Amino acid sequence: MSARPFLDTNVLVYTVTRDDPRRDKAIEIVSGGGVVSVQVLNEFVDVTRRRYRKGWEDVSYALDQFLAVLDPPLPVTQETHRAALDIARRHGFRIYDGLILAAAKRAGCAVLYTEDLQDGQTVDGVLVRNPFRP
């Protein structure tokens, strides 16, 4: 397993927020490196454009910064999709969470940083950690 964590979308999103207490921790995590998937990058674009109303230049700049410090993003392949369906079915997760876990497992990451799943649970060998939990 890789010592580099897999980062869910919310970690990336908090790096570009203002007045959010999670921002500094998110920047620290991303600066330390890690792994993401193309899905995570797409979700980042969607959330920052829709919820935070960031312009395309700001979004593109942030993506360039992520790509400079993170491992190359994993593609969403048919194999990953099948694994995600299995994970979602077995654990009762949404397909999007299954895709994140399947990608983390495929990358060999021992830890997934996310707020979207139960902190401390292990799914298919990937430990879920909420880095923003007090």
C-alpha atoms as a PDB file:
ATOM      1  CA  MET A   1       0.000   0.000   0.000  1.00  0.00           C
ATOM      2  CA  SER A   2       1.094   3.533  -0.771  1.00  0.00           C
ATOM      3  CA  ALA A   3       1.911   5.991   1.973  1.00  0.00           C
ATOM      4  CA  ARG A   4       0.370   8.686  -0.213  1.00  0.00           C
ATOM      5  CA  PRO A   5      -3.289   9.309   0.607  1.00  0.00           C
ATOM      6  CA  PHE A   6      -6.153   9.402  -1.860  1.00  0.00           C
ATOM      7  CA  LEU A   7      -7.912  12.784  -1.704  1.00  0.00           C
ATOM      8  CA  ASP A   8     -11.649  13.175  -2.168  1.00  0.00           C
ATOM      9  CA  THR A   9     -13.181  16.227  -3.810  1.00  0.00           C
ATOM     10  CA  ASN A  10     -13.979  18.086  -0.593  1.00  0.00           C
ATOM     11  CA  VAL A  11     -10.292  18.277   0.331  1.00  0.00           C
ATOM     12  CA  LEU A  12      -9.514  20.044  -2.954  1.00  0.00           C
ATOM     13  CA  VAL A  13     -12.574  22.300  -2.714  1.00  0.00           C
ATOM     14  CA  TYR A  14     -11.658  23.613   0.729  1.00  0.00           C
ATOM     15  CA  THR A  15      -8.301  24.847  -0.587  1.00  0.00           C
ATOM     16  CA  VAL A  16     -10.097  27.530  -2.626  1.00  0.00           C
ATOM     17  CA  THR A  17     -12.723  28.588  -0.095  1.00  0.00           C
ATOM     18  CA  ARG A  18     -12.645  31.758   1.937  1.00  0.00           C
ATOM     19  CA  ASP A  19     -13.549  32.042   5.596  1.00  0.00           C
ATOM     20  CA  ASP A  20     -13.777  28.262   5.978  1.00  0.00           C
ATOM     21  CA  PRO A  21     -11.963  26.821   9.000  1.00  0.00           C
ATOM     22  CA  ARG A  22     -11.045  23.714   6.974  1.00  0.00           C
ATOM     23  CA  ARG A  23      -9.062  25.690   4.391  1.00  0.00           C
ATOM     24  CA  ASP A  24      -5.660  25.639   6.126  1.00  0.00           C
ATOM     25  CA  LYS A  25      -5.849  21.896   6.819  1.00  0.00           C
ATOM     26  CA  ALA A  26      -6.889  21.221   3.199  1.00  0.00           C
ATOM     27  CA  ILE A  27      -3.950  23.248   1.872  1.00  0.00           C
ATOM     28  CA  GLU A  28      -1.595  21.355   4.178  1.00  0.00           C
ATOM     29  CA  ILE A  29      -2.919  18.006   2.961  1.00  0.00           C
ATOM     30  CA  VAL A  30      -2.750  18.860  -0.748  1.00  0.00           C
ATOM     31  CA  SER A  31       0.711  20.393  -0.364  1.00  0.00           C
ATOM     32  CA  GLY A  32       1.897  17.091   1.093  1.00  0.00           C
ATOM     33  CA  GLY A  33       0.961  15.278  -2.097  1.00  0.00           C
ATOM     34  CA  GLY A  34      -1.423  12.469  -2.786  1.00  0.00           C
ATOM     35  CA  VAL A  35      -3.540  10.780  -5.389  1.00  0.00           C
ATOM     36  CA  VAL A  36      -6.783  11.825  -7.087  1.00  0.00           C
ATOM     37  CA  SER A  37      -8.842  10.526  -9.972  1.00  0.00           C
ATOM     38  CA  VAL A  38     -10.233  12.334 -12.989  1.00  0.00           C
ATOM     39  CA  GLN A  39     -13.615  11.994 -11.264  1.00  0.00           C
ATOM     40  CA  VAL A  40     -12.325  14.039  -8.301  1.00  0.00           C
ATOM     41  CA  LEU A  41     -11.056  16.761 -10.635  1.00  0.00           C
ATOM     42  CA  ASN A  42     -14.388  16.860 -12.491  1.00  0.00           C
ATOM     43  CA  GLU A  43     -16.318  17.109  -9.232  1.00  0.00           C
ATOM     44  CA  PHE A  44     -13.963  19.891  -8.088  1.00  0.00           C
ATOM     45  CA  VAL A  45     -14.797  21.885 -11.220  1.00  0.00           C
ATOM     46  CA  ASP A  46     -18.526  21.315 -10.770  1.00  0.00           C
ATOM     47  CA  VAL A  47     -18.616  22.268  -7.071  1.00  0.00           C
ATOM     48  CA  THR A  48     -16.370  25.315  -7.331  1.00  0.00           C
ATOM     49  CA  ARG A  49     -18.224  26.666 -10.361  1.00  0.00           C
ATOM     50  CA  ARG A  50     -21.745  25.933  -9.100  1.00  0.00           C
ATOM     51  CA  ARG A  51     -21.559  26.363  -5.321  1.00  0.00           C
ATOM     52  CA  TYR A  52     -18.691  28.817  -4.957  1.00  0.00           C
ATOM     53  CA  ARG A  53     -19.198  30.626  -8.282  1.00  0.00           C
ATOM     54  CA  LYS A  54     -15.514  30.564  -9.179  1.00  0.00           C
ATOM     55  CA  GLY A  55     -14.581  31.744 -12.654  1.00  0.00           C
ATOM     56  CA  TRP A  56     -12.981  29.484 -15.231  1.00  0.00           C
ATOM     57  CA  GLU A  57      -9.584  31.151 -14.805  1.00  0.00           C
ATOM     58  CA  ASP A  58      -9.607  30.530 -11.043  1.00  0.00           C
ATOM     59  CA  VAL A  59     -10.698  26.924 -11.541  1.00  0.00           C
ATOM     60  CA  SER A  60      -8.032  26.285 -14.185  1.00  0.00           C
ATOM     61  CA  TYR A  61      -5.365  27.861 -11.992  1.00  0.00           C
ATOM     62  CA  ALA A  62      -6.351  25.656  -9.042  1.00  0.00           C
ATOM     63  CA  LEU A  63      -6.304  22.526 -11.228  1.00  0.00           C
ATOM     64  CA  ASP A  64      -2.801  23.423 -12.455  1.00  0.00           C
ATOM     65  CA  GLN A  65      -1.651  23.827  -8.844  1.00  0.00           C
ATOM     66  CA  PHE A  66      -3.093  20.428  -7.882  1.00  0.00           C
ATOM     67  CA  LEU A  67      -1.470  18.719 -10.850  1.00  0.00           C
ATOM     68  CA  ALA A  68       1.889  20.228  -9.886  1.00  0.00           C
ATOM     69  CA  VAL A  69       1.932  18.590  -6.436  1.00  0.00           C
ATOM     70  CA  LEU A  70      -0.281  15.508  -6.774  1.00  0.00           C
ATOM     71  CA  ASP A  71       0.371  12.250  -8.594  1.00  0.00           C
ATOM     72  CA  PRO A  72      -1.028  12.033 -12.138  1.00  0.00           C
ATOM     73  CA  PRO A  73      -4.805  11.540 -11.830  1.00  0.00           C
ATOM     74  CA  LEU A  74      -6.190   8.053 -12.292  1.00  0.00           C
ATOM     75  CA  PRO A  75      -8.633   7.617 -15.151  1.00  0.00           C
ATOM     76  CA  VAL A  76     -12.066   6.143 -14.584  1.00  0.00           C
ATOM     77  CA  THR A  77     -11.779   2.872 -16.434  1.00  0.00           C
ATOM     78  CA  GLN A  78     -14.300   0.126 -17.013  1.00  0.00           C
ATOM     79  CA  GLU A  79     -12.371  -1.968 -14.472  1.00  0.00           C
ATOM     80  CA  THR A  80     -12.649   0.803 -11.873  1.00  0.00           C
ATOM     81  CA  HIS A  81     -16.328   1.199 -12.662  1.00  0.00           C
ATOM     82  CA  ARG A  82     -16.992  -2.514 -12.122  1.00  0.00           C
ATOM     83  CA  ALA A  83     -15.088  -2.467  -8.843  1.00  0.00           C
ATOM     84  CA  ALA A  84     -17.073   0.617  -7.781  1.00  0.00           C
ATOM     85  CA  LEU A  85     -20.374  -1.118  -8.514  1.00  0.00           C
ATOM     86  CA  ASP A  86     -19.280  -4.026  -6.340  1.00  0.00           C
ATOM     87  CA  ILE A  87     -18.198  -1.755  -3.479  1.00  0.00           C
ATOM     88  CA  ALA A  88     -21.395   0.329  -3.687  1.00  0.00           C
ATOM     89  CA  ARG A  89     -23.565  -2.795  -3.707  1.00  0.00           C
ATOM     90  CA  ARG A  90     -21.782  -4.513  -0.815  1.00  0.00           C
ATOM     91  CA  HIS A  91     -21.601  -1.456   1.434  1.00  0.00           C
ATOM     92  CA  GLY A  92     -24.736   0.459   0.446  1.00  0.00           C
ATOM     93  CA  PHE A  93     -22.746   3.434  -0.875  1.00  0.00           C
ATOM     94  CA  ARG A  94     -23.625   5.769  -3.709  1.00  0.00           C
ATOM     95  CA  ILE A  95     -21.839   4.914  -6.947  1.00  0.00           C
ATOM     96  CA  TYR A  96     -19.721   8.071  -6.697  1.00  0.00           C
ATOM     97  CA  ASP A  97     -18.353   7.030  -3.303  1.00  0.00           C
ATOM     98  CA  GLY A  98     -17.783   3.550  -4.696  1.00  0.00           C
ATOM     99  CA  LEU A  99     -15.767   5.075  -7.547  1.00  0.00           C
ATOM    100  CA  ILE A 100     -13.600   7.023  -5.102  1.00  0.00           C
ATOM    101  CA  LEU A 101     -12.918   3.906  -3.031  1.00  0.00           C
ATOM    102  CA  ALA A 102     -12.262   1.758  -6.098  1.00  0.00           C
ATOM    103  CA  ALA A 103      -9.785   4.335  -7.418  1.00  0.00           C
ATOM    104  CA  ALA A 104      -8.068   4.593  -4.028  1.00  0.00           C
ATOM    105  CA  LYS A 105      -7.729   0.815  -3.894  1.00  0.00           C
ATOM    106  CA  ARG A 106      -6.492   0.659  -7.494  1.00  0.00           C
ATOM    107  CA  ALA A 107      -3.843   3.286  -6.672  1.00  0.00           C
ATOM    108  CA  GLY A 108      -2.727   1.227  -3.685  1.00  0.00           C
ATOM    109  CA  CYS A 109      -3.543   3.992  -1.214  1.00  0.00           C
ATOM    110  CA  ALA A 110      -3.913   2.862   2.393  1.00  0.00           C
ATOM    111  CA  VAL A 111      -5.856   6.012   3.379  1.00  0.00           C
ATOM    112  CA  LEU A 112      -8.706   7.992   1.820  1.00  0.00           C
ATOM    113  CA  TYR A 113      -9.244  11.535   3.102  1.00  0.00           C
ATOM    114  CA  THR A 114     -12.930  12.435   2.866  1.00  0.00           C
ATOM    115  CA  GLU A 115     -15.832  13.845   4.838  1.00  0.00           C
ATOM    116  CA  ASP A 116     -18.352  11.753   2.938  1.00  0.00           C
ATOM    117  CA  LEU A 117     -17.871   8.389   4.642  1.00  0.00           C
ATOM    118  CA  GLN A 118     -17.597   7.161   8.221  1.00  0.00           C
ATOM    119  CA  ASP A 119     -14.289   8.152   9.783  1.00  0.00           C
ATOM    120  CA  GLY A 120     -12.276   5.123  10.832  1.00  0.00           C
ATOM    121  CA  GLN A 121     -14.001   2.510   8.693  1.00  0.00           C
ATOM    122  CA  THR A 122     -11.954   0.319   6.394  1.00  0.00           C
ATOM    123  CA  VAL A 123     -13.353  -0.599   2.990  1.00  0.00           C
ATOM    124  CA  ASP A 124     -11.495  -3.173   0.900  1.00  0.00           C
ATOM    125  CA  GLY A 125      -8.242  -2.355   2.667  1.00  0.00           C
ATOM    126  CA  VAL A 126      -8.623   1.449   2.418  1.00  0.00           C
ATOM    127  CA  LEU A 127      -8.898   3.316   5.731  1.00  0.00           C
ATOM    128  CA  VAL A 128     -11.347   6.242   5.619  1.00  0.00           C
ATOM    129  CA  ARG A 129     -10.185   9.342   7.484  1.00  0.00           C
ATOM    130  CA  ASN A 130     -11.988  12.637   7.934  1.00  0.00           C
ATOM    131  CA  PRO A 131      -9.073  15.065   8.235  1.00  0.00           C
ATOM    132  CA  PHE A 132     -11.389  17.882   9.352  1.00  0.00           C
ATOM    133  CA  ARG A 133     -12.909  16.041  12.294  1.00  0.00           C
ATOM    134  CA  PRO A 134     -12.195  17.823  15.562  1.00  0.00           C
END
